[in-house]
Amino acid sequence: MKIAGILLIIFGVAALIYGGFSYTSQKKVVDIGAMQINRTENHTLPVPPILGMVAIAGGAGLMYFGVKKDR
C-alpha cells in the first residue's frame, strides 16, 4: 500500500507540473509501389489539474492508512 501511495503522489505532482503528455505517431500518406510518404503527427493529451490533486490526495490517504494499519 505504501508503494502505491508513493506512486500516486509522484503521478499527481507530475500531472500538476506538466499538465499532460505528448506523443508522436507515424501516418502513411502515400503508398505507391516502392515509394512511400509518411507523415509525423504530434499529439497532446492534457491531464486536468483536478486529476493530479485527486491522485495526490489518494496517495496520501493510502500512505496514512497503510502505515496506520501496520501498527
PDB file of N, CA and C in Angstrom:
ATOM      1  N   MET A   1       0.817  -1.194   0.000  1.00  0.00           N
ATOM      2  CA  MET A   1       0.000   0.000   0.000  1.00  0.00           C
ATOM      3  C   MET A   1       0.861   1.259   0.000  1.00  0.00           C
ATOM      4  N   LYS A   2       1.970   1.194   0.710  1.00  0.00           N
ATOM      5  CA  LYS A   2       2.828   2.360   0.820  1.00  0.00           C
ATOM      6  C   LYS A   2       3.445   2.708  -0.540  1.00  0.00           C
ATOM      7  N   ILE A   3       3.854   1.700  -1.299  1.00  0.00           N
ATOM      8  CA  ILE A   3       4.456   1.935  -2.617  1.00  0.00           C
ATOM      9  C   ILE A   3       3.412   2.504  -3.577  1.00  0.00           C
ATOM     10  N   ALA A   4       2.199   1.988  -3.533  1.00  0.00           N
ATOM     11  CA  ALA A   4       1.131   2.508  -4.393  1.00  0.00           C
ATOM     12  C   ALA A   4       0.832   3.969  -4.052  1.00  0.00           C
ATOM     13  N   GLY A   5       0.874   4.301  -2.772  1.00  0.00           N
ATOM     14  CA  GLY A   5       0.656   5.680  -2.347  1.00  0.00           C
ATOM     15  C   GLY A   5       1.739   6.611  -2.868  1.00  0.00           C
ATOM     16  N   ILE A   6       2.983   6.160  -2.787  1.00  0.00           N
ATOM     17  CA  ILE A   6       4.096   6.972  -3.283  1.00  0.00           C
ATOM     18  C   ILE A   6       3.977   7.175  -4.785  1.00  0.00           C
ATOM     19  N   LEU A   7       3.629   6.122  -5.528  1.00  0.00           N
ATOM     20  CA  LEU A   7       3.472   6.230  -6.981  1.00  0.00           C
ATOM     21  C   LEU A   7       2.335   7.185  -7.352  1.00  0.00           C
ATOM     22  N   LEU A   8       1.241   7.136  -6.609  1.00  0.00           N
ATOM     23  CA  LEU A   8       0.137   8.064  -6.865  1.00  0.00           C
ATOM     24  C   LEU A   8       0.535   9.511  -6.611  1.00  0.00           C
ATOM     25  N   ILE A   9       1.289   9.724  -5.565  1.00  0.00           N
ATOM     26  CA  ILE A   9       1.741  11.085  -5.264  1.00  0.00           C
ATOM     27  C   ILE A   9       2.673  11.587  -6.364  1.00  0.00           C
ATOM     28  N   ILE A  10       3.591  10.748  -6.825  1.00  0.00           N
ATOM     29  CA  ILE A  10       4.506  11.131  -7.899  1.00  0.00           C
ATOM     30  C   ILE A  10       3.728  11.440  -9.167  1.00  0.00           C
ATOM     31  N   PHE A  11       2.752  10.594  -9.511  1.00  0.00           N
ATOM     32  CA  PHE A  11       1.927  10.843 -10.698  1.00  0.00           C
ATOM     33  C   PHE A  11       1.157  12.147 -10.563  1.00  0.00           C
ATOM     34  N   GLY A  12       0.606  12.411  -9.390  1.00  0.00           N
ATOM     35  CA  GLY A  12      -0.158  13.633  -9.174  1.00  0.00           C
ATOM     36  C   GLY A  12       0.688  14.885  -9.298  1.00  0.00           C
ATOM     37  N   VAL A  13       1.891  14.853  -8.744  1.00  0.00           N
ATOM     38  CA  VAL A  13       2.785  16.009  -8.840  1.00  0.00           C
ATOM     39  C   VAL A  13       3.205  16.220 -10.293  1.00  0.00           C
ATOM     40  N   ALA A  14       3.518  15.135 -11.002  1.00  0.00           N
ATOM     41  CA  ALA A  14       3.903  15.245 -12.416  1.00  0.00           C
ATOM     42  C   ALA A  14       2.746  15.791 -13.250  1.00  0.00           C
ATOM     43  N   ALA A  15       1.529  15.374 -12.945  1.00  0.00           N
ATOM     44  CA  ALA A  15       0.363  15.861 -13.678  1.00  0.00           C
ATOM     45  C   ALA A  15       0.157  17.354 -13.441  1.00  0.00           C
ATOM     46  N   LEU A  16       0.413  17.820 -12.232  1.00  0.00           N
ATOM     47  CA  LEU A  16       0.266  19.246 -11.946  1.00  0.00           C
ATOM     48  C   LEU A  16       1.382  20.072 -12.592  1.00  0.00           C
ATOM     49  N   ILE A  17       2.588  19.537 -12.624  1.00  0.00           N
ATOM     50  CA  ILE A  17       3.718  20.281 -13.186  1.00  0.00           C
ATOM     51  C   ILE A  17       3.635  20.338 -14.709  1.00  0.00           C
ATOM     52  N   TYR A  18       3.438  19.184 -15.354  1.00  0.00           N
ATOM     53  CA  TYR A  18       3.477  19.124 -16.816  1.00  0.00           C
ATOM     54  C   TYR A  18       2.129  19.413 -17.473  1.00  0.00           C
ATOM     55  N   GLY A  19       1.038  19.133 -16.819  1.00  0.00           N
ATOM     56  CA  GLY A  19      -0.280  19.416 -17.369  1.00  0.00           C
ATOM     57  C   GLY A  19      -0.715  18.464 -18.465  1.00  0.00           C
ATOM     58  N   GLY A  20       0.020  17.430 -18.727  1.00  0.00           N
ATOM     59  CA  GLY A  20      -0.336  16.460 -19.757  1.00  0.00           C
ATOM     60  C   GLY A  20       0.909  15.829 -20.339  1.00  0.00           C
ATOM     61  N   PHE A  21       0.726  15.050 -21.388  1.00  0.00           N
ATOM     62  CA  PHE A  21       1.872  14.451 -22.052  1.00  0.00           C
ATOM     63  C   PHE A  21       1.614  14.432 -23.550  1.00  0.00           C
ATOM     64  N   SER A  22       2.690  14.336 -24.289  1.00  0.00           N
ATOM     65  CA  SER A  22       2.572  14.340 -25.743  1.00  0.00           C
ATOM     66  C   SER A  22       3.280  13.119 -26.313  1.00  0.00           C
ATOM     67  N   TYR A  23       2.845  12.730 -27.495  1.00  0.00           N
ATOM     68  CA  TYR A  23       3.461  11.614 -28.189  1.00  0.00           C
ATOM     69  C   TYR A  23       3.371  11.860 -29.689  1.00  0.00           C
ATOM     70  N   THR A  24       4.183  11.145 -30.447  1.00  0.00           N
ATOM     71  CA  THR A  24       4.175  11.279 -31.903  1.00  0.00           C
ATOM     72  C   THR A  24       3.741   9.965 -32.530  1.00  0.00           C
ATOM     73  N   SER A  25       3.136  10.067 -33.689  1.00  0.00           N
ATOM     74  CA  SER A  25       2.732   8.877 -34.426  1.00  0.00           C
ATOM     75  C   SER A  25       3.066   9.062 -35.902  1.00  0.00           C
ATOM     76  N   GLN A  26       3.326   7.964 -36.560  1.00  0.00           N
ATOM     77  CA  GLN A  26       3.617   7.966 -37.991  1.00  0.00           C
ATOM     78  C   GLN A  26       2.354   7.574 -38.743  1.00  0.00           C
ATOM     79  N   LYS A  27       2.028   8.323 -39.776  1.00  0.00           N
ATOM     80  CA  LYS A  27       0.852   8.038 -40.582  1.00  0.00           C
ATOM     81  C   LYS A  27       1.283   7.930 -42.043  1.00  0.00           C
ATOM     82  N   LYS A  28       0.901   6.844 -42.682  1.00  0.00           N
ATOM     83  CA  LYS A  28       1.243   6.648 -44.073  1.00  0.00           C
ATOM     84  C   LYS A  28       0.284   7.475 -44.937  1.00  0.00           C
ATOM     85  N   VAL A  29       0.836   8.394 -45.733  1.00  0.00           N
ATOM     86  CA  VAL A  29       0.025   9.284 -46.559  1.00  0.00           C
ATOM     87  C   VAL A  29      -0.109   8.716 -47.967  1.00  0.00           C
ATOM     88  N   VAL A  30       1.009   8.324 -48.572  1.00  0.00           N
ATOM     89  CA  VAL A  30       1.006   7.804 -49.938  1.00  0.00           C
ATOM     90  C   VAL A  30       1.802   6.508 -49.969  1.00  0.00           C
ATOM     91  N   ASP A  31       1.252   5.504 -50.617  1.00  0.00           N
ATOM     92  CA  ASP A  31       1.937   4.228 -50.787  1.00  0.00           C
ATOM     93  C   ASP A  31       1.763   3.785 -52.236  1.00  0.00           C
ATOM     94  N   ILE A  32       2.742   4.126 -53.069  1.00  0.00           N
ATOM     95  CA  ILE A  32       2.698   3.770 -54.486  1.00  0.00           C
ATOM     96  C   ILE A  32       3.883   2.864 -54.772  1.00  0.00           C
ATOM     97  N   GLY A  33       3.637   1.579 -54.833  1.00  0.00           N
ATOM     98  CA  GLY A  33       4.704   0.625 -55.127  1.00  0.00           C
ATOM     99  C   GLY A  33       5.826   0.723 -54.113  1.00  0.00           C
ATOM    100  N   ALA A  34       7.024   1.052 -54.612  1.00  0.00           N
ATOM    101  CA  ALA A  34       8.201   1.136 -53.743  1.00  0.00           C
ATOM    102  C   ALA A  34       8.311   2.488 -53.055  1.00  0.00           C
ATOM    103  N   MET A  35       7.494   3.445 -53.444  1.00  0.00           N
ATOM    104  CA  MET A  35       7.568   4.781 -52.858  1.00  0.00           C
ATOM    105  C   MET A  35       6.506   4.962 -51.764  1.00  0.00           C
ATOM    106  N   GLN A  36       6.969   5.406 -50.616  1.00  0.00           N
ATOM    107  CA  GLN A  36       6.064   5.678 -49.502  1.00  0.00           C
ATOM    108  C   GLN A  36       6.332   7.075 -48.970  1.00  0.00           C
ATOM    109  N   ILE A  37       5.282   7.757 -48.596  1.00  0.00           N
ATOM    110  CA  ILE A  37       5.415   9.059 -47.942  1.00  0.00           C
ATOM    111  C   ILE A  37       4.714   8.955 -46.597  1.00  0.00           C
ATOM    112  N   ASN A  38       5.489   9.203 -45.543  1.00  0.00           N
ATOM    113  CA  ASN A  38       4.955   9.149 -44.187  1.00  0.00           C
ATOM    114  C   ASN A  38       4.879  10.555 -43.611  1.00  0.00           C
ATOM    115  N   ARG A  39       3.969  10.700 -42.698  1.00  0.00           N
ATOM    116  CA  ARG A  39       3.774  11.989 -42.039  1.00  0.00           C
ATOM    117  C   ARG A  39       3.833  11.769 -40.532  1.00  0.00           C
ATOM    118  N   THR A  40       4.604  12.594 -39.853  1.00  0.00           N
ATOM    119  CA  THR A  40       4.711  12.517 -38.401  1.00  0.00           C
ATOM    120  C   THR A  40       3.715  13.497 -37.792  1.00  0.00           C
ATOM    121  N   GLU A  41       2.886  12.980 -36.894  1.00  0.00           N
ATOM    122  CA  GLU A  41       1.892  13.813 -36.221  1.00  0.00           C
ATOM    123  C   GLU A  41       2.203  13.875 -34.732  1.00  0.00           C
ATOM    124  N   ASN A  42       2.151  15.066 -34.172  1.00  0.00           N
ATOM    125  CA  ASN A  42       2.329  15.257 -32.734  1.00  0.00           C
ATOM    126  C   ASN A  42       0.953  15.381 -32.083  1.00  0.00           C
ATOM    127  N   HIS A  43       0.773  14.616 -31.015  1.00  0.00           N
ATOM    128  CA  HIS A  43      -0.493  14.630 -30.286  1.00  0.00           C
ATOM    129  C   HIS A  43      -0.214  15.039 -28.844  1.00  0.00           C
ATOM    130  N   THR A  44      -1.121  15.777 -28.263  1.00  0.00           N
ATOM    131  CA  THR A  44      -1.008  16.176 -26.863  1.00  0.00           C
ATOM    132  C   THR A  44      -2.268  15.766 -26.121  1.00  0.00           C
ATOM    133  N   LEU A  45      -2.078  15.067 -25.008  1.00  0.00           N
ATOM    134  CA  LEU A  45      -3.193  14.685 -24.150  1.00  0.00           C
ATOM    135  C   LEU A  45      -3.095  15.476 -22.848  1.00  0.00           C
ATOM    136  N   PRO A  46      -4.000  16.416 -22.647  1.00  0.00           N
ATOM    137  CA  PRO A  46      -3.945  17.195 -21.408  1.00  0.00           C
ATOM    138  C   PRO A  46      -4.484  16.385 -20.226  1.00  0.00           C
ATOM    139  N   VAL A  47      -3.882  16.593 -19.075  1.00  0.00           N
ATOM    140  CA  VAL A  47      -4.346  15.969 -17.831  1.00  0.00           C
ATOM    141  C   VAL A  47      -4.924  17.090 -16.974  1.00  0.00           C
ATOM    142  N   PRO A  48      -6.202  17.000 -16.624  1.00  0.00           N
ATOM    143  CA  PRO A  48      -6.807  18.060 -15.814  1.00  0.00           C
ATOM    144  C   PRO A  48      -6.121  18.186 -14.444  1.00  0.00           C
ATOM    145  N   PRO A  49      -5.956  19.397 -13.956  1.00  0.00           N
ATOM    146  CA  PRO A  49      -5.307  19.588 -12.651  1.00  0.00           C
ATOM    147  C   PRO A  49      -6.049  18.886 -11.518  1.00  0.00           C
ATOM    148  N   ILE A  50      -7.364  18.770 -11.636  1.00  0.00           N
ATOM    149  CA  ILE A  50      -8.128  18.101 -10.575  1.00  0.00           C
ATOM    150  C   ILE A  50      -7.723  16.631 -10.451  1.00  0.00           C
ATOM    151  N   LEU A  51      -7.358  16.018 -11.577  1.00  0.00           N
ATOM    152  CA  LEU A  51      -6.908  14.627 -11.547  1.00  0.00           C
ATOM    153  C   LEU A  51      -5.591  14.504 -10.778  1.00  0.00           C
ATOM    154  N   GLY A  52      -4.701  15.473 -10.960  1.00  0.00           N
ATOM    155  CA  GLY A  52      -3.452  15.477 -10.202  1.00  0.00           C
ATOM    156  C   GLY A  52      -3.688  15.638  -8.712  1.00  0.00           C
ATOM    157  N   MET A  53      -4.610  16.525  -8.360  1.00  0.00           N
ATOM    158  CA  MET A  53      -4.915  16.739  -6.940  1.00  0.00           C
ATOM    159  C   MET A  53      -5.554  15.506  -6.309  1.00  0.00           C
ATOM    160  N   VAL A  54      -6.440  14.854  -7.067  1.00  0.00           N
ATOM    161  CA  VAL A  54      -7.087  13.628  -6.557  1.00  0.00           C
ATOM    162  C   VAL A  54      -6.046  12.525  -6.369  1.00  0.00           C
ATOM    163  N   ALA A  55      -5.090  12.417  -7.296  1.00  0.00           N
ATOM    164  CA  ALA A  55      -4.041  11.408  -7.175  1.00  0.00           C
ATOM    165  C   ALA A  55      -3.170  11.665  -5.949  1.00  0.00           C
ATOM    166  N   ILE A  56      -2.833  12.919  -5.705  1.00  0.00           N
ATOM    167  CA  ILE A  56      -2.023  13.256  -4.526  1.00  0.00           C
ATOM    168  C   ILE A  56      -2.785  12.931  -3.248  1.00  0.00           C
ATOM    169  N   ALA A  57      -4.069  13.302  -3.196  1.00  0.00           N
ATOM    170  CA  ALA A  57      -4.877  13.018  -2.005  1.00  0.00           C
ATOM    171  C   ALA A  57      -5.053  11.511  -1.802  1.00  0.00           C
ATOM    172  N   GLY A  58      -5.275  10.787  -2.888  1.00  0.00           N
ATOM    173  CA  GLY A  58      -5.421   9.334  -2.786  1.00  0.00           C
ATOM    174  C   GLY A  58      -4.132   8.669  -2.328  1.00  0.00           C
ATOM    175  N   GLY A  59      -3.000   9.130  -2.856  1.00  0.00           N
ATOM    176  CA  GLY A  59      -1.714   8.580  -2.431  1.00  0.00           C
ATOM    177  C   GLY A  59      -1.421   8.876  -0.968  1.00  0.00           C
ATOM    178  N   ALA A  60      -1.747  10.082  -0.535  1.00  0.00           N
ATOM    179  CA  ALA A  60      -1.550  10.424   0.873  1.00  0.00           C
ATOM    180  C   ALA A  60      -2.451   9.575   1.763  1.00  0.00           C
ATOM    181  N   GLY A  61      -3.683   9.350   1.309  1.00  0.00           N
ATOM    182  CA  GLY A  61      -4.596   8.504   2.084  1.00  0.00           C
ATOM    183  C   GLY A  61      -4.104   7.070   2.166  1.00  0.00           C
ATOM    184  N   LEU A  62      -3.605   6.544   1.061  1.00  0.00           N
ATOM    185  CA  LEU A  62      -3.064   5.184   1.077  1.00  0.00           C
ATOM    186  C   LEU A  62      -1.864   5.080   2.008  1.00  0.00           C
ATOM    187  N   MET A  63      -0.999   6.081   1.976  1.00  0.00           N
ATOM    188  CA  MET A  63       0.171   6.040   2.860  1.00  0.00           C
ATOM    189  C   MET A  63      -0.241   6.163   4.318  1.00  0.00           C
ATOM    190  N   TYR A  64      -1.190   7.052   4.622  1.00  0.00           N
ATOM    191  CA  TYR A  64      -1.617   7.237   6.003  1.00  0.00           C
ATOM    192  C   TYR A  64      -2.285   5.981   6.552  1.00  0.00           C
ATOM    193  N   PHE A  65      -3.257   5.449   5.809  1.00  0.00           N
ATOM    194  CA  PHE A  65      -3.980   4.279   6.303  1.00  0.00           C
ATOM    195  C   PHE A  65      -3.148   3.013   6.191  1.00  0.00           C
ATOM    196  N   GLY A  66      -2.196   2.959   5.278  1.00  0.00           N
ATOM    197  CA  GLY A  66      -1.289   1.815   5.182  1.00  0.00           C
ATOM    198  C   GLY A  66      -0.357   1.749   6.374  1.00  0.00           C
ATOM    199  N   VAL A  67       0.153   2.894   6.795  1.00  0.00           N
ATOM    200  CA  VAL A  67       1.043   2.950   7.956  1.00  0.00           C
ATOM    201  C   VAL A  67       0.241   2.719   9.226  1.00  0.00           C
ATOM    202  N   LYS A  68      -0.959   3.285   9.316  1.00  0.00           N
ATOM    203  CA  LYS A  68      -1.803   3.120  10.493  1.00  0.00           C
ATOM    204  C   LYS A  68      -2.227   1.661  10.660  1.00  0.00           C
ATOM    205  N   LYS A  69      -2.448   0.960   9.552  1.00  0.00           N
ATOM    206  CA  LYS A  69      -2.866  -0.429   9.595  1.00  0.00           C
ATOM    207  C   LYS A  69      -1.751  -1.346  10.093  1.00  0.00           C
ATOM    208  N   ASP A  70      -0.487  -0.992   9.788  1.00  0.00           N
ATOM    209  CA  ASP A  70       0.649  -1.820  10.183  1.00  0.00           C
ATOM    210  C   ASP A  70       0.924  -1.786  11.684  1.00  0.00           C
ATOM    211  N   ARG A  71       0.510  -0.759  12.357  1.00  0.00           N
ATOM    212  CA  ARG A  71       0.810  -0.627  13.789  1.00  0.00           C
ATOM    213  C   ARG A  71       0.080  -1.598  14.644  1.00  0.00           C
TER     214      ARG A  71
END
